[in-house]
């Protein structure tokens, strides 16, 4: 779990990033999770653009991705979710 100060710092770092993974109509699939996992391994901090839908659906998808990949949801603004997972040492 990230502290509020750490979340603020990560949000600031993520501001200039572009979404690297786009969620399609099928939602969170194993192939999508593999893409997000690969992006997190390469960058630690990424943006994911979710498919259009209800806010509650988007929140559930973001939480599902984060829990499946042992990542933290740093921010969720509209259809864009910022995920963070530190690189293993």
C-alpha atoms as a PDB file:
ATOM      1  CA  UNK A   1       0.000   0.000   0.000  1.00  0.00           C
ATOM      2  CA  UNK A   2       1.354   3.404  -0.979  1.00  0.00           C
ATOM      3  CA  UNK A   3       1.464   6.346   1.381  1.00  0.00           C
ATOM      4  CA  UNK A   4      -0.348   9.557   0.385  1.00  0.00           C
ATOM      5  CA  UNK A   5       2.998  11.281  -0.174  1.00  0.00           C
ATOM      6  CA  UNK A   6       4.198   8.475  -2.438  1.00  0.00           C
ATOM      7  CA  UNK A   7       0.929   8.618  -4.417  1.00  0.00           C
ATOM      8  CA  UNK A   8       1.337  12.377  -4.923  1.00  0.00           C
ATOM      9  CA  UNK A   9       4.889  11.914  -6.192  1.00  0.00           C
ATOM     10  CA  UNK A  10       3.834   9.117  -8.559  1.00  0.00           C
ATOM     11  CA  UNK A  11       0.868  11.140  -9.867  1.00  0.00           C
ATOM     12  CA  UNK A  12       3.262  13.975 -10.664  1.00  0.00           C
ATOM     13  CA  UNK A  13       5.590  11.590 -12.503  1.00  0.00           C
ATOM     14  CA  UNK A  14       2.672  10.041 -14.416  1.00  0.00           C
ATOM     15  CA  UNK A  15       1.279  13.364 -15.600  1.00  0.00           C
ATOM     16  CA  UNK A  16       3.442  13.470 -18.741  1.00  0.00           C
ATOM     17  CA  UNK A  17       2.962   9.790 -19.619  1.00  0.00           C
ATOM     18  CA  UNK A  18       0.783   8.523 -22.446  1.00  0.00           C
ATOM     19  CA  UNK A  19      -1.356   5.384 -22.036  1.00  0.00           C
ATOM     20  CA  UNK A  20       0.695   2.335 -23.042  1.00  0.00           C
ATOM     21  CA  UNK A  21      -2.096  -0.252 -22.853  1.00  0.00           C
ATOM     22  CA  UNK A  22      -5.611   0.167 -24.201  1.00  0.00           C
ATOM     23  CA  UNK A  23      -8.429  -2.031 -22.863  1.00  0.00           C
ATOM     24  CA  UNK A  24     -10.788  -3.170 -25.604  1.00  0.00           C
ATOM     25  CA  UNK A  25     -14.406  -4.270 -25.605  1.00  0.00           C
ATOM     26  CA  UNK A  26     -13.561  -7.631 -24.059  1.00  0.00           C
ATOM     27  CA  UNK A  27     -12.274  -5.977 -20.909  1.00  0.00           C
ATOM     28  CA  UNK A  28      -9.604  -7.503 -18.714  1.00  0.00           C
ATOM     29  CA  UNK A  29      -8.468 -10.707 -20.408  1.00  0.00           C
ATOM     30  CA  UNK A  30      -5.403 -12.874 -19.737  1.00  0.00           C
ATOM     31  CA  UNK A  31      -3.741 -11.408 -22.857  1.00  0.00           C
ATOM     32  CA  UNK A  32      -4.382  -7.884 -21.602  1.00  0.00           C
ATOM     33  CA  UNK A  33      -2.974  -8.759 -18.178  1.00  0.00           C
ATOM     34  CA  UNK A  34       0.151 -10.110 -19.888  1.00  0.00           C
ATOM     35  CA  UNK A  35       0.558  -6.809 -21.768  1.00  0.00           C
ATOM     36  CA  UNK A  36       0.104  -4.764 -18.590  1.00  0.00           C
ATOM     37  CA  UNK A  37       2.544  -7.041 -16.731  1.00  0.00           C
ATOM     38  CA  UNK A  38       5.141  -6.568 -19.461  1.00  0.00           C
ATOM     39  CA  UNK A  39       4.682  -2.786 -19.406  1.00  0.00           C
ATOM     40  CA  UNK A  40       4.982  -2.680 -15.605  1.00  0.00           C
ATOM     41  CA  UNK A  41       8.185  -4.737 -15.760  1.00  0.00           C
ATOM     42  CA  UNK A  42       9.631  -2.288 -18.263  1.00  0.00           C
ATOM     43  CA  UNK A  43       8.429   1.006 -16.788  1.00  0.00           C
ATOM     44  CA  UNK A  44       7.138   0.536 -13.196  1.00  0.00           C
ATOM     45  CA  UNK A  45       4.629   3.374 -13.686  1.00  0.00           C
ATOM     46  CA  UNK A  46       2.143   3.204 -16.561  1.00  0.00           C
ATOM     47  CA  UNK A  47      -1.164   4.578 -17.760  1.00  0.00           C
ATOM     48  CA  UNK A  48      -3.919   2.273 -19.012  1.00  0.00           C
ATOM     49  CA  UNK A  49      -6.901   3.563 -21.001  1.00  0.00           C
ATOM     50  CA  UNK A  50     -10.055   1.645 -20.166  1.00  0.00           C
ATOM     51  CA  UNK A  51     -12.976   1.008 -22.494  1.00  0.00           C
ATOM     52  CA  UNK A  52     -15.991   3.258 -22.259  1.00  0.00           C
ATOM     53  CA  UNK A  53     -18.486   2.145 -19.684  1.00  0.00           C
ATOM     54  CA  UNK A  54     -19.952   2.946 -16.324  1.00  0.00           C
ATOM     55  CA  UNK A  55     -17.680   4.352 -13.663  1.00  0.00           C
ATOM     56  CA  UNK A  56     -18.276   1.369 -11.374  1.00  0.00           C
ATOM     57  CA  UNK A  57     -17.213  -1.023 -14.150  1.00  0.00           C
ATOM     58  CA  UNK A  58     -14.025   0.960 -14.751  1.00  0.00           C
ATOM     59  CA  UNK A  59     -13.202   0.947 -11.031  1.00  0.00           C
ATOM     60  CA  UNK A  60     -13.733  -2.825 -10.881  1.00  0.00           C
ATOM     61  CA  UNK A  61     -11.521  -3.380 -13.946  1.00  0.00           C
ATOM     62  CA  UNK A  62      -8.747  -1.223 -12.480  1.00  0.00           C
ATOM     63  CA  UNK A  63      -8.914  -3.051  -9.151  1.00  0.00           C
ATOM     64  CA  UNK A  64      -8.956  -6.435 -10.910  1.00  0.00           C
ATOM     65  CA  UNK A  65      -5.842  -5.539 -12.917  1.00  0.00           C
ATOM     66  CA  UNK A  66      -4.021  -4.219  -9.864  1.00  0.00           C
ATOM     67  CA  UNK A  67      -4.799  -7.228  -7.684  1.00  0.00           C
ATOM     68  CA  UNK A  68      -3.961  -9.751 -10.435  1.00  0.00           C
ATOM     69  CA  UNK A  69      -0.583  -8.115 -11.066  1.00  0.00           C
ATOM     70  CA  UNK A  70       0.304  -7.140  -7.491  1.00  0.00           C
ATOM     71  CA  UNK A  71       0.281  -3.453  -8.468  1.00  0.00           C
ATOM     72  CA  UNK A  72      -1.153  -0.303  -6.906  1.00  0.00           C
ATOM     73  CA  UNK A  73      -3.733   2.005  -8.459  1.00  0.00           C
ATOM     74  CA  UNK A  74      -2.137   5.435  -8.098  1.00  0.00           C
ATOM     75  CA  UNK A  75      -4.899   7.438  -9.759  1.00  0.00           C
ATOM     76  CA  UNK A  76      -8.024   7.016 -11.815  1.00  0.00           C
ATOM     77  CA  UNK A  77      -9.124   9.965 -13.915  1.00  0.00           C
ATOM     78  CA  UNK A  78     -11.998   9.329 -16.283  1.00  0.00           C
ATOM     79  CA  UNK A  79     -11.053   6.366 -18.437  1.00  0.00           C
ATOM     80  CA  UNK A  80      -7.336   6.505 -17.598  1.00  0.00           C
ATOM     81  CA  UNK A  81      -5.839   4.520 -14.719  1.00  0.00           C
ATOM     82  CA  UNK A  82      -2.290   4.930 -13.425  1.00  0.00           C
ATOM     83  CA  UNK A  83      -0.718   1.708 -12.149  1.00  0.00           C
ATOM     84  CA  UNK A  84       2.541   1.313 -10.230  1.00  0.00           C
ATOM     85  CA  UNK A  85       4.558  -1.758  -9.337  1.00  0.00           C
ATOM     86  CA  UNK A  86       8.185  -1.466  -8.249  1.00  0.00           C
ATOM     87  CA  UNK A  87      10.705  -3.541 -10.123  1.00  0.00           C
ATOM     88  CA  UNK A  88      11.835  -6.610  -8.213  1.00  0.00           C
ATOM     89  CA  UNK A  89      15.257  -6.201  -6.675  1.00  0.00           C
END
